[in-house]
Amino acid sequence: MVQVCLNGARGSGDGAVVPMSPGAMADSAAEAVAAGASDIHVHPKSPCGKDTLSAKAVAATLEAIRSRVRVPVGVTTGAWAEPDPAARVARIHEWTVLPDHASVNWHEPGAEEVAAALLERGVAVEAGVWSATDGAARFTASPLGPRVLRVLAEVTDPDPDSAQSTAQELVARLGTAHGRPVLLHGAEGGAWPVLRLAGRLGLATRIGLEDTLVLPDGQRAASNGELVAEGLVRYGCGTKA
């Protein structure tokens, strides 16, 4: 499985190719799915371009994307979008249009409560476990672990020379991961090396403008679709998952 991460917490300063409006996200999602992506991760944006969990923004984003594609669509619940855990839970209960899944970063305060709120509403949970945090230990001890859809093993090491070893250490720390599937991906300079490792390990992975703005040769990517196509054609990423 190859997930496309359309935009992340990036903003207009990262270039016009990063989709910010619901319409632009829908166009980008359609291109990425046509290139081979089978799942979507997106960050709904406020009018000023900041990540938000507001019901209005989430609904507009999901409706726009679903008008163009027929694959699962998930959103972030990152603490940077709503720092207070109680407010994050309240936002989830306000959603009028529900995503297929939502990511919960297990190292963030309130992760268990946020995940429980999502499950209560029938939204599948992607457990975000970042390297260089205590997320793996928290997740492996979590009673909610067996109920998540999958684990997003996120390698935050941006060094292309060390990202793969960091990824291997993270996967080892996850152990059995409560028997849930693992999606392994990297970020910035580590994005392509970790994607290659995921392909060798037969794990699901993701690629998109949230994780990297460039192609393996260092050239600026023109779109999420180009990143997905490059990952599938060059590295065969996600083909065994």
C-alpha atoms as a PDB file:
ATOM      1  CA  MET A   1       0.000   0.000   0.000  1.00  0.00           C
ATOM      2  CA  VAL A   2       1.277   3.437  -0.928  1.00  0.00           C
ATOM      3  CA  GLN A   3      -0.248   6.370   0.884  1.00  0.00           C
ATOM      4  CA  VAL A   4       0.137   9.880  -0.477  1.00  0.00           C
ATOM      5  CA  CYS A   5       0.658  12.664   2.083  1.00  0.00           C
ATOM      6  CA  LEU A   6      -0.634  15.681   0.218  1.00  0.00           C
ATOM      7  CA  ASN A   7       0.591  18.700   2.165  1.00  0.00           C
ATOM      8  CA  GLY A   8       1.430  18.238   5.842  1.00  0.00           C
ATOM      9  CA  ALA A   9       2.062  21.305   7.950  1.00  0.00           C
ATOM     10  CA  ARG A  10       3.711  23.064   5.021  1.00  0.00           C
ATOM     11  CA  GLY A  11       2.471  26.453   3.923  1.00  0.00           C
ATOM     12  CA  SER A  12       2.503  28.773   0.940  1.00  0.00           C
ATOM     13  CA  GLY A  13       6.170  29.512   1.556  1.00  0.00           C
ATOM     14  CA  ASP A  14       6.984  25.951   0.477  1.00  0.00           C
ATOM     15  CA  GLY A  15       5.862  26.636  -3.084  1.00  0.00           C
ATOM     16  CA  ALA A  16       2.761  26.659  -5.232  1.00  0.00           C
ATOM     17  CA  VAL A  17       2.855  22.884  -5.767  1.00  0.00           C
ATOM     18  CA  VAL A  18       1.790  22.279  -2.137  1.00  0.00           C
ATOM     19  CA  PRO A  19      -2.042  22.073  -2.172  1.00  0.00           C
ATOM     20  CA  MET A  20      -3.631  24.388   0.372  1.00  0.00           C
ATOM     21  CA  SER A  21      -7.295  24.804  -0.611  1.00  0.00           C
ATOM     22  CA  PRO A  22      -9.850  21.967  -0.693  1.00  0.00           C
ATOM     23  CA  GLY A  23     -10.021  22.217  -4.479  1.00  0.00           C
ATOM     24  CA  ALA A  24      -6.261  22.065  -4.880  1.00  0.00           C
ATOM     25  CA  MET A  25      -6.081  19.127  -2.468  1.00  0.00           C
ATOM     26  CA  ALA A  26      -8.741  17.300  -4.483  1.00  0.00           C
ATOM     27  CA  ASP A  27      -6.889  17.890  -7.755  1.00  0.00           C
ATOM     28  CA  SER A  28      -3.624  16.723  -6.217  1.00  0.00           C
ATOM     29  CA  ALA A  29      -5.273  13.654  -4.682  1.00  0.00           C
ATOM     30  CA  ALA A  30      -6.803  12.669  -8.022  1.00  0.00           C
ATOM     31  CA  GLU A  31      -3.434  12.920  -9.753  1.00  0.00           C
ATOM     32  CA  ALA A  32      -1.714  10.900  -7.018  1.00  0.00           C
ATOM     33  CA  VAL A  33      -4.343   8.153  -7.109  1.00  0.00           C
ATOM     34  CA  ALA A  34      -4.034   7.987 -10.887  1.00  0.00           C
ATOM     35  CA  ALA A  35      -0.290   7.524 -10.364  1.00  0.00           C
ATOM     36  CA  GLY A  36      -0.875   4.592  -8.009  1.00  0.00           C
ATOM     37  CA  ALA A  37      -1.610   5.885  -4.507  1.00  0.00           C
ATOM     38  CA  SER A  38      -4.226   3.797  -2.710  1.00  0.00           C
ATOM     39  CA  ASP A  39      -4.734   5.915   0.418  1.00  0.00           C
ATOM     40  CA  ILE A  40      -4.637   9.633   1.252  1.00  0.00           C
ATOM     41  CA  HIS A  41      -3.356  11.560   4.266  1.00  0.00           C
ATOM     42  CA  VAL A  42      -4.169  15.263   4.313  1.00  0.00           C
ATOM     43  CA  HIS A  43      -3.981  18.277   6.620  1.00  0.00           C
ATOM     44  CA  PRO A  44      -7.088  20.493   6.348  1.00  0.00           C
ATOM     45  CA  LYS A  45      -6.174  24.178   6.366  1.00  0.00           C
ATOM     46  CA  SER A  46      -7.651  27.338   7.829  1.00  0.00           C
ATOM     47  CA  PRO A  47      -8.214  30.343   5.530  1.00  0.00           C
ATOM     48  CA  CYS A  48      -4.772  31.624   6.537  1.00  0.00           C
ATOM     49  CA  GLY A  49      -3.124  28.329   5.629  1.00  0.00           C
ATOM     50  CA  LYS A  50      -2.596  26.820   9.084  1.00  0.00           C
ATOM     51  CA  ASP A  51      -3.429  23.233  10.019  1.00  0.00           C
ATOM     52  CA  THR A  52      -6.829  23.019  11.675  1.00  0.00           C
ATOM     53  CA  LEU A  53      -9.215  20.428  13.105  1.00  0.00           C
ATOM     54  CA  SER A  54     -12.281  22.635  12.690  1.00  0.00           C
ATOM     55  CA  ALA A  55     -15.414  20.859  11.536  1.00  0.00           C
ATOM     56  CA  LYS A  56     -15.897  23.286   8.642  1.00  0.00           C
ATOM     57  CA  ALA A  57     -12.390  22.811   7.246  1.00  0.00           C
ATOM     58  CA  VAL A  58     -12.414  19.036   7.727  1.00  0.00           C
ATOM     59  CA  ALA A  59     -15.787  18.716   5.978  1.00  0.00           C
ATOM     60  CA  ALA A  60     -14.784  20.926   3.055  1.00  0.00           C
ATOM     61  CA  THR A  61     -11.530  19.044   2.576  1.00  0.00           C
ATOM     62  CA  LEU A  62     -13.065  15.574   2.747  1.00  0.00           C
ATOM     63  CA  GLU A  63     -15.996  16.431   0.492  1.00  0.00           C
ATOM     64  CA  ALA A  64     -13.732  17.955  -2.147  1.00  0.00           C
ATOM     65  CA  ILE A  65     -11.347  14.990  -2.193  1.00  0.00           C
ATOM     66  CA  ARG A  66     -14.111  12.391  -2.146  1.00  0.00           C
ATOM     67  CA  SER A  67     -15.736  14.067  -5.132  1.00  0.00           C
ATOM     68  CA  ARG A  68     -12.639  13.099  -7.135  1.00  0.00           C
ATOM     69  CA  VAL A  69     -11.384   9.782  -5.738  1.00  0.00           C
ATOM     70  CA  ARG A  70     -12.722   6.571  -4.230  1.00  0.00           C
ATOM     71  CA  VAL A  71      -9.905   5.611  -1.867  1.00  0.00           C
ATOM     72  CA  PRO A  72      -9.726   6.040   1.942  1.00  0.00           C
ATOM     73  CA  VAL A  73      -8.980   9.568   3.121  1.00  0.00           C
ATOM     74  CA  GLY A  74      -7.424  10.367   6.495  1.00  0.00           C
ATOM     75  CA  VAL A  75      -6.599  13.558   8.357  1.00  0.00           C
ATOM     76  CA  THR A  76      -4.115  14.648  10.999  1.00  0.00           C
ATOM     77  CA  THR A  77      -4.895  15.268  14.658  1.00  0.00           C
ATOM     78  CA  GLY A  78      -1.443  16.717  15.342  1.00  0.00           C
ATOM     79  CA  ALA A  79      -1.087  18.719  18.530  1.00  0.00           C
ATOM     80  CA  TRP A  80       0.304  21.686  16.584  1.00  0.00           C
ATOM     81  CA  ALA A  81      -3.188  22.125  15.069  1.00  0.00           C
ATOM     82  CA  GLU A  82      -4.853  22.137  18.517  1.00  0.00           C
ATOM     83  CA  PRO A  83      -2.365  22.079  21.430  1.00  0.00           C
ATOM     84  CA  ASP A  84      -4.875  21.410  24.234  1.00  0.00           C
ATOM     85  CA  PRO A  85      -5.803  17.685  24.340  1.00  0.00           C
ATOM     86  CA  ALA A  86      -9.316  18.372  25.655  1.00  0.00           C
ATOM     87  CA  ALA A  87      -9.922  20.863  22.844  1.00  0.00           C
ATOM     88  CA  ARG A  88      -8.634  18.312  20.336  1.00  0.00           C
ATOM     89  CA  VAL A  89     -11.163  15.763  21.594  1.00  0.00           C
ATOM     90  CA  ALA A  90     -13.914  18.391  21.457  1.00  0.00           C
ATOM     91  CA  ARG A  91     -13.030  19.181  17.858  1.00  0.00           C
ATOM     92  CA  ILE A  92     -13.349  15.515  16.917  1.00  0.00           C
ATOM     93  CA  HIS A  93     -16.819  15.361  18.458  1.00  0.00           C
ATOM     94  CA  GLU A  94     -17.802  18.433  16.403  1.00  0.00           C
ATOM     95  CA  TRP A  95     -16.911  16.881  13.046  1.00  0.00           C
ATOM     96  CA  THR A  96     -19.941  16.645  10.760  1.00  0.00           C
ATOM     97  CA  VAL A  97     -18.150  14.735   8.007  1.00  0.00           C
ATOM     98  CA  LEU A  98     -15.919  11.907   9.191  1.00  0.00           C
ATOM     99  CA  PRO A  99     -12.623  10.799   7.650  1.00  0.00           C
ATOM    100  CA  ASP A 100     -11.966   7.124   7.048  1.00  0.00           C
ATOM    101  CA  HIS A 101      -9.022   7.335   9.423  1.00  0.00           C
ATOM    102  CA  ALA A 102      -7.025   9.877  11.401  1.00  0.00           C
ATOM    103  CA  SER A 103      -3.439   9.851  12.611  1.00  0.00           C
ATOM    104  CA  VAL A 104      -2.664  10.196  16.316  1.00  0.00           C
ATOM    105  CA  ASN A 105       0.933  10.868  17.343  1.00  0.00           C
ATOM    106  CA  TRP A 106       1.488   8.624  20.344  1.00  0.00           C
ATOM    107  CA  HIS A 107       4.209  10.783  21.903  1.00  0.00           C
ATOM    108  CA  GLU A 108       1.876  13.780  22.166  1.00  0.00           C
ATOM    109  CA  PRO A 109      -0.034  14.574  25.367  1.00  0.00           C
ATOM    110  CA  GLY A 110      -3.579  13.258  25.210  1.00  0.00           C
ATOM    111  CA  ALA A 111      -2.897  10.645  22.530  1.00  0.00           C
ATOM    112  CA  GLU A 112      -4.935   7.951  24.282  1.00  0.00           C
ATOM    113  CA  GLU A 113      -7.913  10.273  24.745  1.00  0.00           C
ATOM    114  CA  VAL A 114      -7.777  11.486  21.145  1.00  0.00           C
ATOM    115  CA  ALA A 115      -7.569   7.927  19.827  1.00  0.00           C
ATOM    116  CA  ALA A 116     -10.470   6.840  22.045  1.00  0.00           C
ATOM    117  CA  ALA A 117     -12.595   9.746  20.770  1.00  0.00           C
ATOM    118  CA  LEU A 118     -11.914   8.754  17.178  1.00  0.00           C
ATOM    119  CA  LEU A 119     -12.749   5.107  17.803  1.00  0.00           C
ATOM    120  CA  GLU A 120     -15.934   6.142  19.583  1.00  0.00           C
ATOM    121  CA  ARG A 121     -17.000   8.005  16.447  1.00  0.00           C
ATOM    122  CA  GLY A 122     -16.135   5.069  14.174  1.00  0.00           C
ATOM    123  CA  VAL A 123     -12.997   6.647  12.729  1.00  0.00           C
ATOM    124  CA  ALA A 124     -10.058   4.262  12.284  1.00  0.00           C
ATOM    125  CA  VAL A 125      -6.818   5.283  13.995  1.00  0.00           C
ATOM    126  CA  GLU A 126      -3.348   5.416  12.505  1.00  0.00           C
ATOM    127  CA  ALA A 127      -0.885   5.321  15.402  1.00  0.00           C
ATOM    128  CA  GLY A 128       1.891   7.763  14.621  1.00  0.00           C
ATOM    129  CA  VAL A 129       5.114   6.560  16.220  1.00  0.00           C
ATOM    130  CA  TRP A 130       8.033   8.902  15.624  1.00  0.00           C
ATOM    131  CA  SER A 131      11.702   8.134  15.973  1.00  0.00           C
ATOM    132  CA  ALA A 132      13.570  10.144  18.642  1.00  0.00           C
ATOM    133  CA  THR A 133      10.486  10.106  20.903  1.00  0.00           C
ATOM    134  CA  ASP A 134       9.014   7.733  23.486  1.00  0.00           C
ATOM    135  CA  GLY A 135       6.133   6.996  21.118  1.00  0.00           C
ATOM    136  CA  ALA A 136       7.132   3.375  20.530  1.00  0.00           C
ATOM    137  CA  ALA A 137       7.227   2.586  24.259  1.00  0.00           C
ATOM    138  CA  ARG A 138       3.910   4.345  24.837  1.00  0.00           C
ATOM    139  CA  PHE A 139       2.254   2.558  21.937  1.00  0.00           C
ATOM    140  CA  THR A 140       3.486  -0.919  22.829  1.00  0.00           C
ATOM    141  CA  ALA A 141       2.070  -0.391  26.349  1.00  0.00           C
ATOM    142  CA  SER A 142      -1.235   1.057  25.131  1.00  0.00           C
ATOM    143  CA  PRO A 143      -4.463  -0.907  25.649  1.00  0.00           C
ATOM    144  CA  LEU A 144      -5.727   0.708  22.448  1.00  0.00           C
ATOM    145  CA  GLY A 145      -2.847  -0.716  20.410  1.00  0.00           C
ATOM    146  CA  PRO A 146      -4.704  -3.801  19.135  1.00  0.00           C
ATOM    147  CA  ARG A 147      -7.566  -1.584  17.920  1.00  0.00           C
ATOM    148  CA  VAL A 148      -5.645   0.740  15.597  1.00  0.00           C
ATOM    149  CA  LEU A 149      -5.809   0.423  11.835  1.00  0.00           C
ATOM    150  CA  ARG A 150      -2.042   0.521  11.411  1.00  0.00           C
ATOM    151  CA  VAL A 151       1.140   2.043  12.800  1.00  0.00           C
ATOM    152  CA  LEU A 152       2.722   4.991  11.010  1.00  0.00           C
ATOM    153  CA  ALA A 153       6.402   4.480  11.801  1.00  0.00           C
ATOM    154  CA  GLU A 154       7.790   7.945  11.053  1.00  0.00           C
ATOM    155  CA  VAL A 155      11.536   8.413  10.793  1.00  0.00           C
ATOM    156  CA  THR A 156      12.247  12.048  11.587  1.00  0.00           C
ATOM    157  CA  ASP A 157      15.991  11.690  10.953  1.00  0.00           C
ATOM    158  CA  PRO A 158      16.613  13.941   7.901  1.00  0.00           C
ATOM    159  CA  ASP A 159      20.132  12.645   7.251  1.00  0.00           C
ATOM    160  CA  PRO A 160      20.135  10.400   4.149  1.00  0.00           C
ATOM    161  CA  ASP A 161      23.198   8.581   5.459  1.00  0.00           C
ATOM    162  CA  SER A 162      21.661   7.536   8.781  1.00  0.00           C
ATOM    163  CA  ALA A 163      17.896   7.509   8.157  1.00  0.00           C
ATOM    164  CA  GLN A 164      17.770   3.831   7.207  1.00  0.00           C
ATOM    165  CA  SER A 165      19.520   2.704  10.381  1.00  0.00           C
ATOM    166  CA  THR A 166      17.213   4.965  12.392  1.00  0.00           C
ATOM    167  CA  ALA A 167      14.270   3.319  10.637  1.00  0.00           C
ATOM    168  CA  GLN A 168      15.514  -0.165  11.448  1.00  0.00           C
ATOM    169  CA  GLU A 169      15.890   0.778  15.100  1.00  0.00           C
ATOM    170  CA  LEU A 170      12.349   2.198  15.168  1.00  0.00           C
ATOM    171  CA  VAL A 171      10.850  -0.926  13.618  1.00  0.00           C
ATOM    172  CA  ALA A 172      12.736  -3.057  16.158  1.00  0.00           C
ATOM    173  CA  ARG A 173      11.419  -0.933  19.039  1.00  0.00           C
ATOM    174  CA  LEU A 174       7.862  -1.512  17.846  1.00  0.00           C
ATOM    175  CA  GLY A 175       8.261  -5.251  18.309  1.00  0.00           C
ATOM    176  CA  THR A 176       5.064  -7.003  17.250  1.00  0.00           C
ATOM    177  CA  ALA A 177       3.217  -3.641  17.083  1.00  0.00           C
ATOM    178  CA  HIS A 178       0.188  -5.361  18.647  1.00  0.00           C
ATOM    179  CA  GLY A 179      -0.075  -7.354  15.424  1.00  0.00           C
ATOM    180  CA  ARG A 180      -1.050  -4.272  13.426  1.00  0.00           C
ATOM    181  CA  PRO A 181       0.362  -3.449   9.961  1.00  0.00           C
ATOM    182  CA  VAL A 182       3.281  -1.035   9.868  1.00  0.00           C
ATOM    183  CA  LEU A 183       3.599   1.799   7.360  1.00  0.00           C
ATOM    184  CA  LEU A 184       7.213   2.993   7.292  1.00  0.00           C
ATOM    185  CA  HIS A 185       8.196   6.401   5.956  1.00  0.00           C
ATOM    186  CA  GLY A 186      10.808   9.101   6.314  1.00  0.00           C
ATOM    187  CA  ALA A 187      11.007  12.864   6.049  1.00  0.00           C
ATOM    188  CA  GLU A 188      13.040  15.426   4.148  1.00  0.00           C
ATOM    189  CA  GLY A 189      16.498  14.035   3.331  1.00  0.00           C
ATOM    190  CA  GLY A 190      15.544  10.680   4.839  1.00  0.00           C
ATOM    191  CA  ALA A 191      12.345  10.266   2.816  1.00  0.00           C
ATOM    192  CA  TRP A 192      13.757   8.386  -0.162  1.00  0.00           C
ATOM    193  CA  PRO A 193      16.247   6.188   1.753  1.00  0.00           C
ATOM    194  CA  VAL A 194      13.488   5.081   4.152  1.00  0.00           C
ATOM    195  CA  LEU A 195      11.099   4.486   1.255  1.00  0.00           C
ATOM    196  CA  ARG A 196      13.708   2.207  -0.325  1.00  0.00           C
ATOM    197  CA  LEU A 197      14.011   0.313   2.961  1.00  0.00           C
ATOM    198  CA  ALA A 198      10.243  -0.064   3.215  1.00  0.00           C
ATOM    199  CA  GLY A 199      10.247  -1.576  -0.271  1.00  0.00           C
ATOM    200  CA  ARG A 200      12.947  -4.084   0.690  1.00  0.00           C
ATOM    201  CA  LEU A 201      11.085  -5.028   3.870  1.00  0.00           C
ATOM    202  CA  GLY A 202       7.767  -5.377   2.056  1.00  0.00           C
ATOM    203  CA  LEU A 203       6.115  -2.762   4.262  1.00  0.00           C
ATOM    204  CA  ALA A 204       3.474  -0.241   3.328  1.00  0.00           C
ATOM    205  CA  THR A 205       4.881   3.248   2.881  1.00  0.00           C
ATOM    206  CA  ARG A 206       3.977   6.770   1.931  1.00  0.00           C
ATOM    207  CA  ILE A 207       5.360   9.612  -0.113  1.00  0.00           C
ATOM    208  CA  GLY A 208       4.190  13.118  -0.895  1.00  0.00           C
ATOM    209  CA  LEU A 209       4.863  16.782  -0.414  1.00  0.00           C
ATOM    210  CA  GLU A 210       4.450  16.517   3.352  1.00  0.00           C
ATOM    211  CA  ASP A 211       7.504  14.292   3.548  1.00  0.00           C
ATOM    212  CA  THR A 212       9.694  15.734   0.788  1.00  0.00           C
ATOM    213  CA  LEU A 213       9.643  18.457  -1.829  1.00  0.00           C
ATOM    214  CA  VAL A 214      12.261  16.817  -4.034  1.00  0.00           C
ATOM    215  CA  LEU A 215      12.772  13.773  -6.228  1.00  0.00           C
ATOM    216  CA  PRO A 216      15.576  11.262  -5.565  1.00  0.00           C
ATOM    217  CA  ASP A 217      17.926  13.208  -7.841  1.00  0.00           C
ATOM    218  CA  GLY A 218      17.356  16.381  -5.814  1.00  0.00           C
ATOM    219  CA  GLN A 219      15.198  18.137  -8.382  1.00  0.00           C
ATOM    220  CA  ARG A 220      12.080  19.890  -7.134  1.00  0.00           C
ATOM    221  CA  ALA A 221       8.985  17.701  -7.471  1.00  0.00           C
ATOM    222  CA  ALA A 222       6.225  19.122  -9.671  1.00  0.00           C
ATOM    223  CA  SER A 223       3.397  17.385  -7.801  1.00  0.00           C
ATOM    224  CA  ASN A 224       2.341  14.655  -5.410  1.00  0.00           C
ATOM    225  CA  GLY A 225       1.549  12.517  -8.440  1.00  0.00           C
ATOM    226  CA  GLU A 226       5.140  12.755  -9.623  1.00  0.00           C
ATOM    227  CA  LEU A 227       6.435  11.683  -6.208  1.00  0.00           C
ATOM    228  CA  VAL A 228       4.068   8.688  -6.097  1.00  0.00           C
ATOM    229  CA  ALA A 229       4.968   7.629  -9.624  1.00  0.00           C
ATOM    230  CA  GLU A 230       8.681   7.928  -8.864  1.00  0.00           C
ATOM    231  CA  GLY A 231       8.329   5.792  -5.753  1.00  0.00           C
ATOM    232  CA  LEU A 232       6.378   3.072  -7.518  1.00  0.00           C
ATOM    233  CA  VAL A 233       8.368   2.929 -10.743  1.00  0.00           C
ATOM    234  CA  ARG A 234      11.876   3.394  -9.387  1.00  0.00           C
ATOM    235  CA  TYR A 235      11.636   1.518  -6.103  1.00  0.00           C
ATOM    236  CA  GLY A 236       8.481  -0.602  -6.294  1.00  0.00           C
ATOM    237  CA  CYS A 237       7.464   0.818  -2.933  1.00  0.00           C
ATOM    238  CA  GLY A 238       4.447  -0.697  -1.231  1.00  0.00           C
ATOM    239  CA  THR A 239       3.999  -3.481  -3.773  1.00  0.00           C
ATOM    240  CA  LYS A 240       4.291  -6.277  -1.210  1.00  0.00           C
ATOM    241  CA  ALA A 241       2.014  -4.802   1.438  1.00  0.00           C
END
